[in-house]
Amino acid sequence: MFSGFSIFVKAYEATKHQIWVSTKLLLLVTLLFAVMMFIAENSVNSDYSFFDALIWTFVKYVEDPAYIESPPITVLGQVIGTLVGVLGVAIFAVHAGLIGSGQKKVMDENKREKDEA
């Protein structure tokens, strides 16, 4: 168990720069989607604020945001909402892939060290 955890920690240490860069990129894209959602929905509903759009896009990653804020009603807003849903999958997949590749490298290095000893 501890060897698995140590492999995870080493993999995270090896990939933390890439994880940080991808996190910043995904946050930037999320903010852009929130701006586009605000523009699309505010044109129809003047009470729709940027904060509503921002909360909706972040909540979309973890649950159904229809219970938090009203869902998009414009076609453009619905398309943006779909893209946000796809991005939600990417947020977890990119980081899992980075850590997974880091774990493979660490495991290969451990095996190489055992073979040389």
PDB file of N, CA and C in Angstrom:
ATOM      1  N   MET A   1       0.829  -1.195   0.000  1.00  0.00           N
ATOM      2  CA  MET A   1       0.000   0.000   0.000  1.00  0.00           C
ATOM      3  C   MET A   1       0.863   1.245   0.000  1.00  0.00           C
ATOM      4  N   PHE A   2       1.859   1.305   0.870  1.00  0.00           N
ATOM      5  CA  PHE A   2       2.699   2.493   0.926  1.00  0.00           C
ATOM      6  C   PHE A   2       3.535   2.644  -0.327  1.00  0.00           C
ATOM      7  N   SER A   3       3.917   1.522  -0.938  1.00  0.00           N
ATOM      8  CA  SER A   3       4.687   1.643  -2.168  1.00  0.00           C
ATOM      9  C   SER A   3       3.831   2.261  -3.277  1.00  0.00           C
ATOM     10  N   GLY A   4       2.546   1.909  -3.308  1.00  0.00           N
ATOM     11  CA  GLY A   4       1.641   2.510  -4.289  1.00  0.00           C
ATOM     12  C   GLY A   4       1.468   3.995  -4.049  1.00  0.00           C
ATOM     13  N   PHE A   5       1.351   4.366  -2.781  1.00  0.00           N
ATOM     14  CA  PHE A   5       1.216   5.788  -2.456  1.00  0.00           C
ATOM     15  C   PHE A   5       2.500   6.541  -2.786  1.00  0.00           C
ATOM     16  N   SER A   6       3.637   5.935  -2.511  1.00  0.00           N
ATOM     17  CA  SER A   6       4.905   6.617  -2.828  1.00  0.00           C
ATOM     18  C   SER A   6       5.084   6.761  -4.334  1.00  0.00           C
ATOM     19  N   ILE A   7       4.617   5.777  -5.093  1.00  0.00           N
ATOM     20  CA  ILE A   7       4.659   5.899  -6.560  1.00  0.00           C
ATOM     21  C   ILE A   7       3.784   7.069  -7.013  1.00  0.00           C
ATOM     22  N   PHE A   8       2.602   7.176  -6.411  1.00  0.00           N
ATOM     23  CA  PHE A   8       1.707   8.291  -6.745  1.00  0.00           C
ATOM     24  C   PHE A   8       2.362   9.628  -6.425  1.00  0.00           C
ATOM     25  N   VAL A   9       2.978   9.737  -5.249  1.00  0.00           N
ATOM     26  CA  VAL A   9       3.615  10.993  -4.852  1.00  0.00           C
ATOM     27  C   VAL A   9       4.757  11.337  -5.801  1.00  0.00           C
ATOM     28  N   LYS A  10       5.576  10.340  -6.144  1.00  0.00           N
ATOM     29  CA  LYS A  10       6.676  10.585  -7.081  1.00  0.00           C
ATOM     30  C   LYS A  10       6.142  10.998  -8.448  1.00  0.00           C
ATOM     31  N   ALA A  11       5.058  10.352  -8.877  1.00  0.00           N
ATOM     32  CA  ALA A  11       4.462  10.694 -10.171  1.00  0.00           C
ATOM     33  C   ALA A  11       3.914  12.116 -10.147  1.00  0.00           C
ATOM     34  N   TYR A  12       3.274  12.489  -9.052  1.00  0.00           N
ATOM     35  CA  TYR A  12       2.764  13.854  -8.935  1.00  0.00           C
ATOM     36  C   TYR A  12       3.917  14.857  -8.960  1.00  0.00           C
ATOM     37  N   GLU A  13       4.971  14.572  -8.213  1.00  0.00           N
ATOM     38  CA  GLU A  13       6.130  15.466  -8.187  1.00  0.00           C
ATOM     39  C   GLU A  13       6.735  15.624  -9.585  1.00  0.00           C
ATOM     40  N   ALA A  14       6.753  14.527 -10.345  1.00  0.00           N
ATOM     41  CA  ALA A  14       7.341  14.567 -11.686  1.00  0.00           C
ATOM     42  C   ALA A  14       6.467  15.331 -12.678  1.00  0.00           C
ATOM     43  N   THR A  15       5.168  15.379 -12.423  1.00  0.00           N
ATOM     44  CA  THR A  15       4.252  15.994 -13.392  1.00  0.00           C
ATOM     45  C   THR A  15       3.563  17.246 -12.863  1.00  0.00           C
ATOM     46  N   LYS A  16       3.953  17.736 -11.690  1.00  0.00           N
ATOM     47  CA  LYS A  16       3.194  18.854 -11.112  1.00  0.00           C
ATOM     48  C   LYS A  16       3.268  20.121 -11.963  1.00  0.00           C
ATOM     49  N   HIS A  17       4.353  20.318 -12.681  1.00  0.00           N
ATOM     50  CA  HIS A  17       4.430  21.492 -13.556  1.00  0.00           C
ATOM     51  C   HIS A  17       3.393  21.389 -14.680  1.00  0.00           C
ATOM     52  N   GLN A  18       3.313  20.225 -15.315  1.00  0.00           N
ATOM     53  CA  GLN A  18       2.334  20.041 -16.391  1.00  0.00           C
ATOM     54  C   GLN A  18       0.905  20.132 -15.843  1.00  0.00           C
ATOM     55  N   ILE A  19       0.684  19.601 -14.646  1.00  0.00           N
ATOM     56  CA  ILE A  19      -0.644  19.676 -14.038  1.00  0.00           C
ATOM     57  C   ILE A  19      -1.011  21.135 -13.773  1.00  0.00           C
ATOM     58  N   TRP A  20      -0.067  21.903 -13.264  1.00  0.00           N
ATOM     59  CA  TRP A  20      -0.328  23.318 -12.976  1.00  0.00           C
ATOM     60  C   TRP A  20      -0.620  24.090 -14.262  1.00  0.00           C
ATOM     61  N   VAL A  21       0.144  23.835 -15.305  1.00  0.00           N
ATOM     62  CA  VAL A  21      -0.076  24.521 -16.582  1.00  0.00           C
ATOM     63  C   VAL A  21      -1.443  24.151 -17.153  1.00  0.00           C
ATOM     64  N   SER A  22      -1.800  22.876 -17.130  1.00  0.00           N
ATOM     65  CA  SER A  22      -3.097  22.473 -17.673  1.00  0.00           C
ATOM     66  C   SER A  22      -4.239  23.018 -16.825  1.00  0.00           C
ATOM     67  N   THR A  23      -4.042  23.113 -15.513  1.00  0.00           N
ATOM     68  CA  THR A  23      -5.074  23.690 -14.650  1.00  0.00           C
ATOM     69  C   THR A  23      -5.302  25.159 -14.989  1.00  0.00           C
ATOM     70  N   LYS A  24      -4.237  25.908 -15.173  1.00  0.00           N
ATOM     71  CA  LYS A  24      -4.379  27.325 -15.532  1.00  0.00           C
ATOM     72  C   LYS A  24      -5.071  27.471 -16.882  1.00  0.00           C
ATOM     73  N   LEU A  25      -4.700  26.633 -17.841  1.00  0.00           N
ATOM     74  CA  LEU A  25      -5.333  26.690 -19.160  1.00  0.00           C
ATOM     75  C   LEU A  25      -6.815  26.365 -19.074  1.00  0.00           C
ATOM     76  N   LEU A  26      -7.161  25.327 -18.328  1.00  0.00           N
ATOM     77  CA  LEU A  26      -8.565  24.946 -18.201  1.00  0.00           C
ATOM     78  C   LEU A  26      -9.367  26.007 -17.452  1.00  0.00           C
ATOM     79  N   LEU A  27      -8.773  26.650 -16.465  1.00  0.00           N
ATOM     80  CA  LEU A  27      -9.467  27.742 -15.773  1.00  0.00           C
ATOM     81  C   LEU A  27      -9.697  28.922 -16.714  1.00  0.00           C
ATOM     82  N   LEU A  28      -8.719  29.223 -17.538  1.00  0.00           N
ATOM     83  CA  LEU A  28      -8.864  30.306 -18.512  1.00  0.00           C
ATOM     84  C   LEU A  28      -9.981  29.995 -19.506  1.00  0.00           C
ATOM     85  N   VAL A  29     -10.013  28.774 -20.000  1.00  0.00           N
ATOM     86  CA  VAL A  29     -11.062  28.380 -20.939  1.00  0.00           C
ATOM     87  C   VAL A  29     -12.431  28.434 -20.251  1.00  0.00           C
ATOM     88  N   THR A  30     -12.479  28.028 -18.998  1.00  0.00           N
ATOM     89  CA  THR A  30     -13.733  28.096 -18.249  1.00  0.00           C
ATOM     90  C   THR A  30     -14.213  29.537 -18.118  1.00  0.00           C
ATOM     91  N   LEU A  31     -13.299  30.445 -17.830  1.00  0.00           N
ATOM     92  CA  LEU A  31     -13.677  31.857 -17.739  1.00  0.00           C
ATOM     93  C   LEU A  31     -14.165  32.384 -19.086  1.00  0.00           C
ATOM     94  N   LEU A  32     -13.528  31.961 -20.168  1.00  0.00           N
ATOM     95  CA  LEU A  32     -13.987  32.378 -21.499  1.00  0.00           C
ATOM     96  C   LEU A  32     -15.392  31.848 -21.785  1.00  0.00           C
ATOM     97  N   PHE A  33     -15.652  30.593 -21.408  1.00  0.00           N
ATOM     98  CA  PHE A  33     -17.000  30.043 -21.585  1.00  0.00           C
ATOM     99  C   PHE A  33     -18.007  30.805 -20.732  1.00  0.00           C
ATOM    100  N   ALA A  34     -17.614  31.209 -19.532  1.00  0.00           N
ATOM    101  CA  ALA A  34     -18.517  31.975 -18.672  1.00  0.00           C
ATOM    102  C   ALA A  34     -18.845  33.323 -19.299  1.00  0.00           C
ATOM    103  N   VAL A  35     -17.842  33.971 -19.886  1.00  0.00           N
ATOM    104  CA  VAL A  35     -18.079  35.248 -20.567  1.00  0.00           C
ATOM    105  C   VAL A  35     -19.032  35.042 -21.747  1.00  0.00           C
ATOM    106  N   MET A  36     -18.779  34.003 -22.540  1.00  0.00           N
ATOM    107  CA  MET A  36     -19.660  33.738 -23.689  1.00  0.00           C
ATOM    108  C   MET A  36     -21.073  33.401 -23.220  1.00  0.00           C
ATOM    109  N   MET A  37     -21.190  32.639 -22.120  1.00  0.00           N
ATOM    110  CA  MET A  37     -22.507  32.300 -21.577  1.00  0.00           C
ATOM    111  C   MET A  37     -23.219  33.563 -21.096  1.00  0.00           C
ATOM    112  N   PHE A  38     -22.496  34.450 -20.449  1.00  0.00           N
ATOM    113  CA  PHE A  38     -23.085  35.712 -19.989  1.00  0.00           C
ATOM    114  C   PHE A  38     -23.598  36.531 -21.162  1.00  0.00           C
ATOM    115  N   ILE A  39     -22.789  36.647 -22.199  1.00  0.00           N
ATOM    116  CA  ILE A  39     -23.191  37.438 -23.369  1.00  0.00           C
ATOM    117  C   ILE A  39     -24.427  36.833 -24.022  1.00  0.00           C
ATOM    118  N   ALA A  40     -24.433  35.503 -24.167  1.00  0.00           N
ATOM    119  CA  ALA A  40     -25.565  34.840 -24.829  1.00  0.00           C
ATOM    120  C   ALA A  40     -26.845  34.954 -24.006  1.00  0.00           C
ATOM    121  N   GLU A  41     -26.754  34.728 -22.713  1.00  0.00           N
ATOM    122  CA  GLU A  41     -27.963  34.692 -21.885  1.00  0.00           C
ATOM    123  C   GLU A  41     -28.415  36.087 -21.444  1.00  0.00           C
ATOM    124  N   ASN A  42     -27.481  37.010 -21.250  1.00  0.00           N
ATOM    125  CA  ASN A  42     -27.842  38.360 -20.825  1.00  0.00           C
ATOM    126  C   ASN A  42     -28.588  39.106 -21.923  1.00  0.00           C
ATOM    127  N   SER A  43     -28.377  38.710 -23.176  1.00  0.00           N
ATOM    128  CA  SER A  43     -29.091  39.370 -24.274  1.00  0.00           C
ATOM    129  C   SER A  43     -30.589  39.070 -24.223  1.00  0.00           C
ATOM    130  N   VAL A  44     -30.960  37.950 -23.598  1.00  0.00           N
ATOM    131  CA  VAL A  44     -32.368  37.576 -23.498  1.00  0.00           C
ATOM    132  C   VAL A  44     -32.932  37.907 -22.116  1.00  0.00           C
ATOM    133  N   ASN A  45     -32.105  37.741 -21.081  1.00  0.00           N
ATOM    134  CA  ASN A  45     -32.536  37.960 -19.711  1.00  0.00           C
ATOM    135  C   ASN A  45     -31.590  38.973 -19.069  1.00  0.00           C
ATOM    136  N   SER A  46     -32.045  40.197 -18.902  1.00  0.00           N
ATOM    137  CA  SER A  46     -31.163  41.251 -18.383  1.00  0.00           C
ATOM    138  C   SER A  46     -30.798  41.042 -16.915  1.00  0.00           C
ATOM    139  N   ASP A  47     -31.517  40.175 -16.211  1.00  0.00           N
ATOM    140  CA  ASP A  47     -31.181  39.873 -14.815  1.00  0.00           C
ATOM    141  C   ASP A  47     -30.059  38.856 -14.697  1.00  0.00           C
ATOM    142  N   TYR A  48     -29.681  38.226 -15.798  1.00  0.00           N
ATOM    143  CA  TYR A  48     -28.628  37.206 -15.794  1.00  0.00           C
ATOM    144  C   TYR A  48     -27.284  37.905 -15.652  1.00  0.00           C
ATOM    145  N   SER A  49     -26.578  37.623 -14.564  1.00  0.00           N
ATOM    146  CA  SER A  49     -25.312  38.310 -14.292  1.00  0.00           C
ATOM    147  C   SER A  49     -24.121  37.442 -14.693  1.00  0.00           C
ATOM    148  N   PHE A  50     -22.957  38.072 -14.737  1.00  0.00           N
ATOM    149  CA  PHE A  50     -21.738  37.327 -15.020  1.00  0.00           C
ATOM    150  C   PHE A  50     -21.485  36.303 -13.916  1.00  0.00           C
ATOM    151  N   PHE A  51     -21.799  36.669 -12.684  1.00  0.00           N
ATOM    152  CA  PHE A  51     -21.635  35.740 -11.576  1.00  0.00           C
ATOM    153  C   PHE A  51     -22.502  34.499 -11.781  1.00  0.00           C
ATOM    154  N   ASP A  52     -23.733  34.669 -12.269  1.00  0.00           N
ATOM    155  CA  ASP A  52     -24.603  33.524 -12.570  1.00  0.00           C
ATOM    156  C   ASP A  52     -23.941  32.617 -13.611  1.00  0.00           C
ATOM    157  N   ALA A  53     -23.381  33.210 -14.645  1.00  0.00           N
ATOM    158  CA  ALA A  53     -22.724  32.435 -15.703  1.00  0.00           C
ATOM    159  C   ALA A  53     -21.496  31.719 -15.161  1.00  0.00           C
ATOM    160  N   LEU A  54     -20.725  32.398 -14.336  1.00  0.00           N
ATOM    161  CA  LEU A  54     -19.513  31.802 -13.774  1.00  0.00           C
ATOM    162  C   LEU A  54     -19.857  30.637 -12.849  1.00  0.00           C
ATOM    163  N   ILE A  55     -20.817  30.842 -11.972  1.00  0.00           N
ATOM    164  CA  ILE A  55     -21.235  29.764 -11.071  1.00  0.00           C
ATOM    165  C   ILE A  55     -21.782  28.597 -11.880  1.00  0.00           C
ATOM    166  N   TRP A  56     -22.588  28.877 -12.886  1.00  0.00           N
ATOM    167  CA  TRP A  56     -23.185  27.807 -13.683  1.00  0.00           C
ATOM    168  C   TRP A  56     -22.101  26.963 -14.357  1.00  0.00           C
ATOM    169  N   THR A  57     -21.077  27.601 -14.926  1.00  0.00           N
ATOM    170  CA  THR A  57     -20.045  26.834 -15.623  1.00  0.00           C
ATOM    171  C   THR A  57     -19.240  25.974 -14.657  1.00  0.00           C
ATOM    172  N   PHE A  58     -18.918  26.484 -13.478  1.00  0.00           N
ATOM    173  CA  PHE A  58     -18.157  25.675 -12.525  1.00  0.00           C
ATOM    174  C   PHE A  58     -19.001  24.556 -11.925  1.00  0.00           C
ATOM    175  N   VAL A  59     -20.270  24.839 -11.648  1.00  0.00           N
ATOM    176  CA  VAL A  59     -21.140  23.806 -11.088  1.00  0.00           C
ATOM    177  C   VAL A  59     -21.409  22.715 -12.118  1.00  0.00           C
ATOM    178  N   LYS A  60     -21.408  23.059 -13.373  1.00  0.00           N
ATOM    179  CA  LYS A  60     -21.638  22.089 -14.459  1.00  0.00           C
ATOM    180  C   LYS A  60     -20.616  20.963 -14.414  1.00  0.00           C
ATOM    181  N   TYR A  61     -19.409  21.226 -13.893  1.00  0.00           N
ATOM    182  CA  TYR A  61     -18.379  20.194 -13.821  1.00  0.00           C
ATOM    183  C   TYR A  61     -18.716  19.096 -12.827  1.00  0.00           C
ATOM    184  N   VAL A  62     -19.433  19.407 -11.778  1.00  0.00           N
ATOM    185  CA  VAL A  62     -19.624  18.434 -10.707  1.00  0.00           C
ATOM    186  C   VAL A  62     -21.060  17.948 -10.526  1.00  0.00           C
ATOM    187  N   GLU A  63     -22.022  18.668 -11.030  1.00  0.00           N
ATOM    188  CA  GLU A  63     -23.409  18.231 -10.891  1.00  0.00           C
ATOM    189  C   GLU A  63     -24.279  18.923 -11.925  1.00  0.00           C
ATOM    190  N   ASP A  64     -25.548  18.646 -11.867  1.00  0.00           N
ATOM    191  CA  ASP A  64     -26.492  19.284 -12.777  1.00  0.00           C
ATOM    192  C   ASP A  64     -26.763  20.699 -12.280  1.00  0.00           C
ATOM    193  N   PRO A  65     -26.302  21.717 -13.004  1.00  0.00           N
ATOM    194  CA  PRO A  65     -26.453  23.095 -12.516  1.00  0.00           C
ATOM    195  C   PRO A  65     -27.867  23.638 -12.618  1.00  0.00           C
ATOM    196  N   ALA A  66     -28.799  22.885 -13.187  1.00  0.00           N
ATOM    197  CA  ALA A  66     -30.170  23.373 -13.303  1.00  0.00           C
ATOM    198  C   ALA A  66     -30.776  23.615 -11.927  1.00  0.00           C
ATOM    199  N   TYR A  67     -30.281  22.934 -10.915  1.00  0.00           N
ATOM    200  CA  TYR A  67     -30.807  23.125  -9.566  1.00  0.00           C
ATOM    201  C   TYR A  67     -30.179  24.338  -8.885  1.00  0.00           C
ATOM    202  N   ILE A  68     -29.062  24.833  -9.397  1.00  0.00           N
ATOM    203  CA  ILE A  68     -28.392  25.994  -8.812  1.00  0.00           C
ATOM    204  C   ILE A  68     -28.878  27.275  -9.480  1.00  0.00           C
ATOM    205  N   GLU A  69     -28.733  27.327 -10.766  1.00  0.00           N
ATOM    206  CA  GLU A  69     -29.135  28.491 -11.552  1.00  0.00           C
ATOM    207  C   GLU A  69     -29.991  27.995 -12.710  1.00  0.00           C
ATOM    208  N   SER A  70     -30.697  28.907 -13.336  1.00  0.00           N
ATOM    209  CA  SER A  70     -31.521  28.512 -14.468  1.00  0.00           C
ATOM    210  C   SER A  70     -30.627  28.051 -15.620  1.00  0.00           C
ATOM    211  N   PRO A  71     -31.026  27.000 -16.306  1.00  0.00           N
ATOM    212  CA  PRO A  71     -30.221  26.513 -17.433  1.00  0.00           C
ATOM    213  C   PRO A  71     -30.269  27.514 -18.588  1.00  0.00           C
ATOM    214  N   PRO A  72     -29.332  27.408 -19.503  1.00  0.00           N
ATOM    215  CA  PRO A  72     -29.326  28.334 -20.641  1.00  0.00           C
ATOM    216  C   PRO A  72     -30.604  28.179 -21.469  1.00  0.00           C
ATOM    217  N   ILE A  73     -31.129  29.303 -21.922  1.00  0.00           N
ATOM    218  CA  ILE A  73     -32.360  29.240 -22.707  1.00  0.00           C
ATOM    219  C   ILE A  73     -32.124  29.563 -24.176  1.00  0.00           C
ATOM    220  N   THR A  74     -31.033  30.230 -24.494  1.00  0.00           N
ATOM    221  CA  THR A  74     -30.731  30.533 -25.891  1.00  0.00           C
ATOM    222  C   THR A  74     -30.014  29.335 -26.525  1.00  0.00           C
ATOM    223  N   VAL A  75     -30.105  29.242 -27.826  1.00  0.00           N
ATOM    224  CA  VAL A  75     -29.421  28.157 -28.536  1.00  0.00           C
ATOM    225  C   VAL A  75     -27.912  28.270 -28.334  1.00  0.00           C
ATOM    226  N   LEU A  76     -27.389  29.483 -28.429  1.00  0.00           N
ATOM    227  CA  LEU A  76     -25.959  29.680 -28.214  1.00  0.00           C
ATOM    228  C   LEU A  76     -25.570  29.286 -26.787  1.00  0.00           C
ATOM    229  N   GLY A  77     -26.387  29.656 -25.815  1.00  0.00           N
ATOM    230  CA  GLY A  77     -26.126  29.282 -24.428  1.00  0.00           C
ATOM    231  C   GLY A  77     -26.135  27.778 -24.232  1.00  0.00           C
ATOM    232  N   GLN A  78     -27.038  27.086 -24.919  1.00  0.00           N
ATOM    233  CA  GLN A  78     -27.093  25.627 -24.818  1.00  0.00           C
ATOM    234  C   GLN A  78     -25.882  24.976 -25.466  1.00  0.00           C
ATOM    235  N   VAL A  79     -25.418  25.526 -26.574  1.00  0.00           N
ATOM    236  CA  VAL A  79     -24.204  25.010 -27.220  1.00  0.00           C
ATOM    237  C   VAL A  79     -23.001  25.225 -26.295  1.00  0.00           C
ATOM    238  N   ILE A  80     -22.909  26.401 -25.706  1.00  0.00           N
ATOM    239  CA  ILE A  80     -21.823  26.681 -24.769  1.00  0.00           C
ATOM    240  C   ILE A  80     -21.913  25.738 -23.573  1.00  0.00           C
ATOM    241  N   GLY A  81     -23.117  25.502 -23.086  1.00  0.00           N
ATOM    242  CA  GLY A  81     -23.309  24.568 -21.979  1.00  0.00           C
ATOM    243  C   GLY A  81     -22.835  23.158 -22.317  1.00  0.00           C
ATOM    244  N   THR A  82     -23.068  22.737 -23.537  1.00  0.00           N
ATOM    245  CA  THR A  82     -22.587  21.425 -23.989  1.00  0.00           C
ATOM    246  C   THR A  82     -21.063  21.397 -24.017  1.00  0.00           C
ATOM    247  N   LEU A  83     -20.461  22.459 -24.531  1.00  0.00           N
ATOM    248  CA  LEU A  83     -19.001  22.531 -24.562  1.00  0.00           C
ATOM    249  C   LEU A  83     -18.416  22.548 -23.150  1.00  0.00           C
ATOM    250  N   VAL A  84     -19.093  23.212 -22.233  1.00  0.00           N
ATOM    251  CA  VAL A  84     -18.653  23.217 -20.839  1.00  0.00           C
ATOM    252  C   VAL A  84     -18.718  21.799 -20.270  1.00  0.00           C
ATOM    253  N   GLY A  85     -19.749  21.050 -20.627  1.00  0.00           N
ATOM    254  CA  GLY A  85     -19.853  19.660 -20.178  1.00  0.00           C
ATOM    255  C   GLY A  85     -18.706  18.808 -20.685  1.00  0.00           C
ATOM    256  N   VAL A  86     -18.331  19.003 -21.939  1.00  0.00           N
ATOM    257  CA  VAL A  86     -17.199  18.268 -22.505  1.00  0.00           C
ATOM    258  C   VAL A  86     -15.903  18.685 -21.807  1.00  0.00           C
ATOM    259  N   LEU A  87     -15.762  19.970 -21.544  1.00  0.00           N
ATOM    260  CA  LEU A  87     -14.576  20.456 -20.838  1.00  0.00           C
ATOM    261  C   LEU A  87     -14.504  19.873 -19.431  1.00  0.00           C
ATOM    262  N   GLY A  88     -15.658  19.660 -18.807  1.00  0.00           N
ATOM    263  CA  GLY A  88     -15.679  19.049 -17.478  1.00  0.00           C
ATOM    264  C   GLY A  88     -15.057  17.667 -17.480  1.00  0.00           C
ATOM    265  N   VAL A  89     -15.295  16.911 -18.525  1.00  0.00           N
ATOM    266  CA  VAL A  89     -14.670  15.591 -18.661  1.00  0.00           C
ATOM    267  C   VAL A  89     -13.168  15.765 -18.868  1.00  0.00           C
ATOM    268  N   ALA A  90     -12.794  16.733 -19.671  1.00  0.00           N
ATOM    269  CA  ALA A  90     -11.376  16.960 -19.961  1.00  0.00           C
ATOM    270  C   ALA A  90     -10.601  17.367 -18.719  1.00  0.00           C
ATOM    271  N   ILE A  91     -11.235  18.118 -17.837  1.00  0.00           N
ATOM    272  CA  ILE A  91     -10.541  18.569 -16.627  1.00  0.00           C
ATOM    273  C   ILE A  91     -10.023  17.372 -15.843  1.00  0.00           C
ATOM    274  N   PHE A  92     -10.851  16.361 -15.699  1.00  0.00           N
ATOM    275  CA  PHE A  92     -10.438  15.192 -14.926  1.00  0.00           C
ATOM    276  C   PHE A  92      -9.561  14.261 -15.752  1.00  0.00           C
ATOM    277  N   ALA A  93      -9.861  14.124 -17.024  1.00  0.00           N
ATOM    278  CA  ALA A  93      -9.108  13.195 -17.872  1.00  0.00           C
ATOM    279  C   ALA A  93      -7.669  13.653 -18.087  1.00  0.00           C
ATOM    280  N   VAL A  94      -7.464  14.931 -18.291  1.00  0.00           N
ATOM    281  CA  VAL A  94      -6.110  15.435 -18.535  1.00  0.00           C
ATOM    282  C   VAL A  94      -5.232  15.195 -17.317  1.00  0.00           C
ATOM    283  N   HIS A  95      -5.730  15.531 -16.155  1.00  0.00           N
ATOM    284  CA  HIS A  95      -4.936  15.354 -14.942  1.00  0.00           C
ATOM    285  C   HIS A  95      -4.703  13.874 -14.626  1.00  0.00           C
ATOM    286  N   ALA A  96      -5.712  13.060 -14.819  1.00  0.00           N
ATOM    287  CA  ALA A  96      -5.536  11.620 -14.592  1.00  0.00           C
ATOM    288  C   ALA A  96      -4.513  11.042 -15.565  1.00  0.00           C
ATOM    289  N   GLY A  97      -4.543  11.488 -16.804  1.00  0.00           N
ATOM    290  CA  GLY A  97      -3.575  11.013 -17.791  1.00  0.00           C
ATOM    291  C   GLY A  97      -2.162  11.438 -17.451  1.00  0.00           C
ATOM    292  N   LEU A  98      -2.008  12.675 -16.988  1.00  0.00           N
ATOM    293  CA  LEU A  98      -0.680  13.151 -16.607  1.00  0.00           C
ATOM    294  C   LEU A  98      -0.117  12.352 -15.434  1.00  0.00           C
ATOM    295  N   ILE A  99      -0.932  12.155 -14.418  1.00  0.00           N
ATOM    296  CA  ILE A  99      -0.461  11.388 -13.260  1.00  0.00           C
ATOM    297  C   ILE A  99      -0.240   9.933 -13.638  1.00  0.00           C
ATOM    298  N   GLY A 100      -1.100   9.374 -14.484  1.00  0.00           N
ATOM    299  CA  GLY A 100      -0.922   7.990 -14.935  1.00  0.00           C
ATOM    300  C   GLY A 100       0.377   7.796 -15.700  1.00  0.00           C
ATOM    301  N   SER A 101       0.693   8.733 -16.583  1.00  0.00           N
ATOM    302  CA  SER A 101       1.953   8.607 -17.322  1.00  0.00           C
ATOM    303  C   SER A 101       3.143   8.779 -16.382  1.00  0.00           C
ATOM    304  N   GLY A 102       2.998   9.647 -15.391  1.00  0.00           N
ATOM    305  CA  GLY A 102       4.053   9.809 -14.398  1.00  0.00           C
ATOM    306  C   GLY A 102       4.251   8.552 -13.580  1.00  0.00           C
ATOM    307  N   GLN A 103       3.154   7.879 -13.233  1.00  0.00           N
ATOM    308  CA  GLN A 103       3.258   6.622 -12.486  1.00  0.00           C
ATOM    309  C   GLN A 103       3.960   5.551 -13.314  1.00  0.00           C
ATOM    310  N   LYS A 104       3.648   5.495 -14.586  1.00  0.00           N
ATOM    311  CA  LYS A 104       4.307   4.507 -15.451  1.00  0.00           C
ATOM    312  C   LYS A 104       5.807   4.755 -15.496  1.00  0.00           C
ATOM    313  N   LYS A 105       6.203   6.015 -15.623  1.00  0.00           N
ATOM    314  CA  LYS A 105       7.635   6.346 -15.646  1.00  0.00           C
ATOM    315  C   LYS A 105       8.313   5.953 -14.340  1.00  0.00           C
ATOM    316  N   VAL A 106       7.663   6.242 -13.220  1.00  0.00           N
ATOM    317  CA  VAL A 106       8.243   5.900 -11.913  1.00  0.00           C
ATOM    318  C   VAL A 106       8.361   4.382 -11.767  1.00  0.00           C
ATOM    319  N   MET A 107       7.335   3.667 -12.185  1.00  0.00           N
ATOM    320  CA  MET A 107       7.375   2.207 -12.091  1.00  0.00           C
ATOM    321  C   MET A 107       8.464   1.635 -12.993  1.00  0.00           C
ATOM    322  N   ASP A 108       8.630   2.192 -14.184  1.00  0.00           N
ATOM    323  CA  ASP A 108       9.702   1.746 -15.086  1.00  0.00           C
ATOM    324  C   ASP A 108      11.078   2.016 -14.484  1.00  0.00           C
ATOM    325  N   GLU A 109      11.237   3.185 -13.854  1.00  0.00           N
ATOM    326  CA  GLU A 109      12.510   3.507 -13.207  1.00  0.00           C
ATOM    327  C   GLU A 109      12.787   2.550 -12.050  1.00  0.00           C
ATOM    328  N   ASN A 110      11.766   2.250 -11.250  1.00  0.00           N
ATOM    329  CA  ASN A 110      11.933   1.306 -10.136  1.00  0.00           C
ATOM    330  C   ASN A 110      12.334  -0.072 -10.648  1.00  0.00           C
ATOM    331  N   LYS A 111      11.707  -0.508 -11.739  1.00  0.00           N
ATOM    332  CA  LYS A 111      12.035  -1.820 -12.303  1.00  0.00           C
ATOM    333  C   LYS A 111      13.469  -1.827 -12.839  1.00  0.00           C
ATOM    334  N   ARG A 112      13.858  -0.762 -13.502  1.00  0.00           N
ATOM    335  CA  ARG A 112      15.209  -0.638 -14.042  1.00  0.00           C
ATOM    336  C   ARG A 112      16.244  -0.672 -12.908  1.00  0.00           C
ATOM    337  N   GLU A 113      15.945   0.019 -11.802  1.00  0.00           N
ATOM    338  CA  GLU A 113      16.852   0.007 -10.657  1.00  0.00           C
ATOM    339  C   GLU A 113      16.966  -1.392 -10.047  1.00  0.00           C
ATOM    340  N   LYS A 114      15.851  -2.123  -9.983  1.00  0.00           N
ATOM    341  CA  LYS A 114      15.887  -3.499  -9.456  1.00  0.00           C
ATOM    342  C   LYS A 114      16.683  -4.421 -10.367  1.00  0.00           C
ATOM    343  N   ASP A 115      16.517  -4.252 -11.667  1.00  0.00           N
ATOM    344  CA  ASP A 115      17.220  -5.098 -12.632  1.00  0.00           C
ATOM    345  C   ASP A 115      18.739  -4.847 -12.588  1.00  0.00           C
ATOM    346  N   GLU A 116      19.126  -3.584 -12.350  1.00  0.00           N
ATOM    347  CA  GLU A 116      20.539  -3.248 -12.305  1.00  0.00           C
ATOM    348  C   GLU A 116      21.196  -3.718 -10.999  1.00  0.00           C
ATOM    349  N   ALA A 117      20.407  -3.853  -9.954  1.00  0.00           N
ATOM    350  CA  ALA A 117      20.968  -4.245  -8.638  1.00  0.00           C
ATOM    351  C   ALA A 117      21.233  -5.722  -8.529  1.00  0.00           C
TER     352      ALA A 117
END
